[in-house]
N, C-alpha and C. Protein backbone atom coordinates (compact mmCIF):
# COMPACT_ATOMS: atom_id res chain seq x y z
N UNK A 1 25.09 76.84 159.22
CA UNK A 1 25.24 77.41 160.55
C UNK A 1 26.37 78.42 160.52
N UNK A 2 26.14 79.57 161.10
CA UNK A 2 27.13 80.64 161.13
C UNK A 2 27.96 80.50 162.41
N UNK A 3 29.30 80.59 162.23
CA UNK A 3 30.17 80.46 163.39
C UNK A 3 30.20 81.78 164.18
N UNK A 4 30.78 81.70 165.37
CA UNK A 4 30.87 82.88 166.24
C UNK A 4 31.71 83.97 165.57
N UNK A 5 32.82 83.58 164.92
CA UNK A 5 33.69 84.55 164.25
C UNK A 5 32.95 85.26 163.12
N UNK A 6 32.13 84.53 162.37
CA UNK A 6 31.37 85.14 161.28
C UNK A 6 30.34 86.12 161.82
N UNK A 7 29.72 85.79 162.94
CA UNK A 7 28.73 86.69 163.56
C UNK A 7 29.41 87.98 164.01
N UNK A 8 30.56 87.85 164.68
CA UNK A 8 31.30 89.03 165.14
C UNK A 8 31.73 89.86 163.93
N UNK A 9 32.20 89.21 162.88
CA UNK A 9 32.59 89.92 161.66
C UNK A 9 31.43 90.68 161.04
N UNK A 10 30.25 90.06 161.02
CA UNK A 10 29.06 90.71 160.48
C UNK A 10 28.66 91.93 161.30
N UNK A 11 28.74 91.82 162.62
CA UNK A 11 28.41 92.94 163.49
C UNK A 11 29.40 94.09 163.28
N UNK A 12 30.69 93.76 163.22
CA UNK A 12 31.71 94.78 162.97
C UNK A 12 31.46 95.47 161.63
N UNK A 13 31.13 94.69 160.61
CA UNK A 13 30.84 95.25 159.29
C UNK A 13 29.67 96.23 159.35
N UNK A 14 28.58 95.81 159.98
CA UNK A 14 27.40 96.66 160.05
C UNK A 14 27.67 97.95 160.83
N UNK A 15 28.38 97.84 161.95
CA UNK A 15 28.71 99.03 162.74
C UNK A 15 29.55 99.99 161.92
N UNK A 16 30.55 99.48 161.21
CA UNK A 16 31.40 100.34 160.38
C UNK A 16 30.61 101.01 159.26
N UNK A 17 29.71 100.30 158.62
CA UNK A 17 28.90 100.88 157.55
C UNK A 17 27.99 101.97 158.10
N UNK A 18 27.35 101.73 159.23
CA UNK A 18 26.45 102.73 159.83
C UNK A 18 27.25 103.98 160.23
N UNK A 19 28.42 103.81 160.84
CA UNK A 19 29.23 104.96 161.23
C UNK A 19 29.71 105.72 160.00
N UNK A 20 30.10 105.00 158.94
CA UNK A 20 30.56 105.66 157.71
C UNK A 20 29.43 106.47 157.08
N UNK A 21 28.22 105.92 157.04
CA UNK A 21 27.08 106.66 156.47
C UNK A 21 26.78 107.89 157.33
N UNK A 22 26.77 107.72 158.64
CA UNK A 22 26.53 108.84 159.56
C UNK A 22 27.57 109.93 159.34
N UNK A 23 28.83 109.54 159.19
CA UNK A 23 29.92 110.50 159.01
C UNK A 23 29.75 111.29 157.71
N UNK A 24 29.52 110.58 156.61
CA UNK A 24 29.40 111.24 155.31
C UNK A 24 28.18 112.17 155.29
N UNK A 25 27.05 111.70 155.78
CA UNK A 25 25.84 112.53 155.78
C UNK A 25 26.05 113.77 156.65
N UNK A 26 26.65 113.59 157.82
CA UNK A 26 26.85 114.73 158.71
C UNK A 26 27.87 115.71 158.15
N UNK A 27 28.89 115.21 157.46
CA UNK A 27 29.91 116.09 156.90
C UNK A 27 29.34 116.94 155.77
N UNK A 28 28.57 116.32 154.86
CA UNK A 28 28.08 117.06 153.70
C UNK A 28 26.71 117.70 153.91
N UNK A 29 25.93 117.21 154.85
CA UNK A 29 24.61 117.77 155.12
C UNK A 29 24.45 118.01 156.62
N UNK A 30 25.17 118.99 157.17
CA UNK A 30 25.10 119.20 158.63
C UNK A 30 23.75 119.76 159.09
N UNK A 31 22.91 120.19 158.14
CA UNK A 31 21.59 120.73 158.52
C UNK A 31 20.72 119.70 159.21
N UNK A 32 20.85 118.43 158.84
CA UNK A 32 19.98 117.43 159.45
C UNK A 32 20.28 117.28 160.94
N UNK A 33 21.52 117.56 161.36
CA UNK A 33 21.86 117.51 162.78
C UNK A 33 21.17 118.65 163.52
N UNK A 34 21.01 119.80 162.84
CA UNK A 34 20.31 120.92 163.47
C UNK A 34 18.85 120.58 163.70
N UNK A 35 18.27 119.84 162.77
CA UNK A 35 16.86 119.43 162.90
C UNK A 35 16.67 118.43 164.04
N UNK A 36 17.68 117.61 164.27
CA UNK A 36 17.58 116.64 165.35
C UNK A 36 17.66 117.35 166.69
N UNK A 37 18.39 118.47 166.73
CA UNK A 37 18.46 119.26 167.96
C UNK A 37 19.71 118.99 168.78
N UNK A 38 20.65 118.25 168.25
CA UNK A 38 21.87 117.95 169.00
C UNK A 38 22.82 119.14 169.03
N UNK A 39 22.86 119.89 167.93
CA UNK A 39 23.82 120.98 167.79
C UNK A 39 23.09 122.19 167.23
N UNK A 40 23.56 123.38 167.56
CA UNK A 40 22.89 124.59 167.08
C UNK A 40 23.69 125.35 166.03
N UNK A 41 24.88 124.86 165.67
CA UNK A 41 25.74 125.59 164.75
C UNK A 41 26.28 124.64 163.67
N UNK A 42 26.08 125.03 162.39
CA UNK A 42 26.57 124.21 161.27
C UNK A 42 28.08 124.07 161.29
N UNK A 43 28.78 125.17 161.53
CA UNK A 43 30.25 125.14 161.56
C UNK A 43 30.77 124.25 162.67
N UNK A 44 30.08 124.25 163.80
CA UNK A 44 30.48 123.38 164.91
C UNK A 44 30.36 121.91 164.57
N UNK A 45 29.29 121.58 163.83
CA UNK A 45 29.09 120.19 163.41
C UNK A 45 30.22 119.75 162.50
N UNK A 46 30.52 120.57 161.51
CA UNK A 46 31.59 120.21 160.57
C UNK A 46 32.94 120.12 161.26
N UNK A 47 33.20 121.02 162.21
CA UNK A 47 34.46 120.98 162.94
C UNK A 47 34.60 119.66 163.70
N UNK A 48 33.59 119.32 164.48
CA UNK A 48 33.69 118.12 165.33
C UNK A 48 33.65 116.83 164.52
N UNK A 49 32.94 116.83 163.39
CA UNK A 49 32.87 115.60 162.59
C UNK A 49 34.24 115.29 161.96
N UNK A 50 35.08 116.31 161.81
CA UNK A 50 36.43 116.10 161.30
C UNK A 50 37.42 115.96 162.46
N UNK A 51 37.24 116.75 163.50
CA UNK A 51 38.20 116.77 164.61
C UNK A 51 38.22 115.45 165.39
N UNK A 52 37.08 114.84 165.61
CA UNK A 52 37.05 113.61 166.41
C UNK A 52 37.79 112.46 165.73
N UNK A 53 37.54 112.14 164.44
CA UNK A 53 38.32 111.05 163.82
C UNK A 53 39.81 111.37 163.72
N UNK A 54 40.16 112.64 163.47
CA UNK A 54 41.58 113.01 163.42
C UNK A 54 42.21 112.79 164.79
N UNK A 55 41.52 113.18 165.84
CA UNK A 55 42.03 112.98 167.20
C UNK A 55 42.22 111.49 167.50
N UNK A 56 41.23 110.68 167.15
CA UNK A 56 41.32 109.24 167.40
C UNK A 56 42.49 108.64 166.61
N UNK A 57 42.64 109.02 165.35
CA UNK A 57 43.74 108.50 164.53
C UNK A 57 45.09 108.94 165.09
N UNK A 58 45.19 110.18 165.53
CA UNK A 58 46.44 110.69 166.11
C UNK A 58 46.80 109.91 167.36
N UNK A 59 45.85 109.71 168.24
CA UNK A 59 46.11 108.96 169.47
C UNK A 59 46.49 107.51 169.15
N UNK A 60 45.84 106.90 168.16
CA UNK A 60 46.16 105.53 167.77
C UNK A 60 47.60 105.43 167.24
N UNK A 61 48.00 106.38 166.39
CA UNK A 61 49.37 106.38 165.85
C UNK A 61 50.37 106.59 166.98
N UNK A 62 50.10 107.50 167.89
CA UNK A 62 51.01 107.74 169.02
C UNK A 62 51.08 106.50 169.93
N UNK A 63 49.96 105.81 170.11
CA UNK A 63 49.96 104.59 170.91
C UNK A 63 50.79 103.49 170.28
N UNK A 64 50.67 103.34 168.96
CA UNK A 64 51.48 102.34 168.25
C UNK A 64 52.95 102.71 168.34
N UNK A 65 53.27 104.00 168.16
CA UNK A 65 54.66 104.44 168.29
C UNK A 65 55.20 104.20 169.69
N UNK A 66 54.40 104.47 170.72
CA UNK A 66 54.83 104.23 172.09
C UNK A 66 55.06 102.73 172.34
N UNK A 67 54.19 101.89 171.79
CA UNK A 67 54.34 100.45 171.95
C UNK A 67 55.63 99.96 171.28
N UNK A 68 55.92 100.46 170.08
CA UNK A 68 57.16 100.09 169.39
C UNK A 68 58.36 100.55 170.20
N UNK A 69 58.33 101.79 170.71
CA UNK A 69 59.43 102.29 171.52
C UNK A 69 59.63 101.48 172.78
N UNK A 70 58.55 101.14 173.47
CA UNK A 70 58.63 100.33 174.69
C UNK A 70 59.22 98.96 174.38
N UNK A 71 58.78 98.35 173.30
CA UNK A 71 59.29 97.04 172.92
C UNK A 71 60.78 97.10 172.62
N UNK A 72 61.21 98.13 171.89
CA UNK A 72 62.62 98.27 171.57
C UNK A 72 63.45 98.55 172.83
N UNK A 73 62.90 99.32 173.76
CA UNK A 73 63.63 99.67 174.98
C UNK A 73 63.77 98.50 175.94
N UNK A 74 62.80 97.59 175.94
CA UNK A 74 62.82 96.50 176.92
C UNK A 74 63.31 95.18 176.34
N UNK A 75 63.58 95.10 175.05
CA UNK A 75 64.07 93.87 174.44
C UNK A 75 65.60 93.83 174.53
N UNK A 76 66.17 92.73 175.02
CA UNK A 76 67.63 92.67 175.10
C UNK A 76 68.25 92.64 173.70
N UNK A 77 69.47 93.18 173.57
CA UNK A 77 70.10 93.18 172.25
C UNK A 77 70.48 91.76 171.82
N UNK A 78 70.53 91.50 170.52
CA UNK A 78 70.90 90.16 170.05
C UNK A 78 72.39 89.90 170.28
N UNK A 79 72.75 88.60 170.23
CA UNK A 79 74.16 88.23 170.35
C UNK A 79 74.93 88.71 169.13
N UNK A 80 76.22 89.02 169.32
CA UNK A 80 77.03 89.37 168.15
C UNK A 80 77.18 88.18 167.21
N UNK A 81 77.35 88.45 165.94
CA UNK A 81 77.44 87.39 164.93
C UNK A 81 78.63 86.47 165.20
N UNK A 82 79.74 87.03 165.67
CA UNK A 82 80.91 86.21 165.95
C UNK A 82 80.60 85.13 166.97
N UNK A 83 79.83 85.48 168.00
CA UNK A 83 79.46 84.52 169.04
C UNK A 83 78.54 83.44 168.48
N UNK A 84 77.61 83.83 167.64
CA UNK A 84 76.69 82.86 167.05
C UNK A 84 77.44 81.88 166.15
N UNK A 85 78.34 82.39 165.30
CA UNK A 85 79.08 81.50 164.40
C UNK A 85 79.99 80.58 165.17
N UNK A 86 80.60 81.04 166.27
CA UNK A 86 81.46 80.14 167.05
C UNK A 86 80.63 79.04 167.70
N UNK A 87 79.39 79.35 168.15
CA UNK A 87 78.52 78.32 168.72
C UNK A 87 78.13 77.29 167.67
N UNK A 88 77.86 77.74 166.46
CA UNK A 88 77.49 76.82 165.37
C UNK A 88 78.66 75.90 165.05
N UNK A 89 79.87 76.44 164.99
CA UNK A 89 81.04 75.63 164.71
C UNK A 89 81.28 74.61 165.81
N UNK A 90 81.08 74.98 167.07
CA UNK A 90 81.24 74.04 168.18
C UNK A 90 80.23 72.91 168.08
N UNK A 91 79.00 73.22 167.72
CA UNK A 91 77.97 72.18 167.58
C UNK A 91 78.32 71.22 166.45
N UNK A 92 78.87 71.75 165.35
CA UNK A 92 79.25 70.89 164.23
C UNK A 92 80.36 69.93 164.65
N UNK A 93 81.33 70.43 165.42
CA UNK A 93 82.43 69.59 165.87
C UNK A 93 81.92 68.49 166.81
N UNK A 94 80.93 68.80 167.64
CA UNK A 94 80.37 67.81 168.56
C UNK A 94 79.56 66.76 167.82
N UNK A 95 78.88 67.10 166.76
CA UNK A 95 78.01 66.15 166.06
C UNK A 95 78.77 65.27 165.07
N UNK A 96 79.97 65.62 164.69
CA UNK A 96 80.72 64.82 163.71
C UNK A 96 80.99 63.42 164.23
N UNK A 97 81.48 63.19 165.47
CA UNK A 97 81.69 61.81 165.94
C UNK A 97 80.38 61.02 166.03
N UNK A 98 79.28 61.67 166.38
CA UNK A 98 78.00 60.97 166.47
C UNK A 98 77.55 60.49 165.09
N UNK A 99 77.77 61.30 164.06
CA UNK A 99 77.37 60.91 162.71
C UNK A 99 78.19 59.72 162.23
N UNK A 100 79.47 59.66 162.60
CA UNK A 100 80.31 58.53 162.21
C UNK A 100 79.82 57.25 162.88
N UNK A 101 79.37 57.35 164.13
CA UNK A 101 78.86 56.19 164.84
C UNK A 101 77.55 55.72 164.23
N UNK A 102 76.74 56.62 163.76
CA UNK A 102 75.47 56.25 163.15
C UNK A 102 75.68 55.51 161.83
N UNK A 103 76.74 55.83 161.11
CA UNK A 103 77.00 55.17 159.84
C UNK A 103 77.34 53.70 160.05
N UNK A 104 77.94 53.34 161.20
CA UNK A 104 78.32 51.96 161.47
C UNK A 104 77.12 51.10 161.84
N UNK A 105 76.03 51.70 162.32
CA UNK A 105 74.84 50.95 162.68
C UNK A 105 74.17 50.42 161.42
N UNK A 106 73.60 49.21 161.51
CA UNK A 106 72.87 48.70 160.34
C UNK A 106 71.59 49.51 160.13
N UNK A 107 71.31 49.76 158.88
CA UNK A 107 70.13 50.55 158.56
C UNK A 107 68.91 49.65 158.47
N UNK A 108 67.77 50.17 158.91
CA UNK A 108 66.52 49.43 158.83
C UNK A 108 65.99 49.51 157.42
N UNK A 109 65.34 48.42 157.03
CA UNK A 109 64.71 48.42 155.72
C UNK A 109 63.34 49.07 155.82
N UNK A 110 62.99 49.80 154.82
CA UNK A 110 61.67 50.42 154.77
C UNK A 110 60.64 49.37 154.37
N UNK A 111 59.40 49.63 154.68
CA UNK A 111 58.33 48.69 154.34
C UNK A 111 58.24 48.49 152.83
N UNK A 112 58.55 49.49 152.08
CA UNK A 112 58.45 49.37 150.62
C UNK A 112 59.58 48.52 150.05
N UNK A 113 60.68 48.31 150.79
CA UNK A 113 61.81 47.52 150.31
C UNK A 113 61.63 46.04 150.54
N UNK A 114 60.66 45.62 151.34
CA UNK A 114 60.46 44.20 151.67
C UNK A 114 60.05 43.40 150.50
């Protein structure tokens, strides 16, 4: 039985393969597009077959850059290291008396020690 994720993956794979074949055929053999009747100029076909993916990639890169910039602008700065180390030292001082009290308690025997 094929899971939902595998089905979606298969569909994505097939769509990508079909688009890649369409792209390569149109780039190297633009005459077939003229026969279909979609476009009347070979140069126009080659221009758009390159311009559209470049445009999409450019917009994607700019979107990722904008997302990174937004994240950096809205994320609060981290605490200074001095503050973090002082908090760690305070926690160690607080836990030392508790550890001494735990040592005085009798330890339980493990099942394997019986």
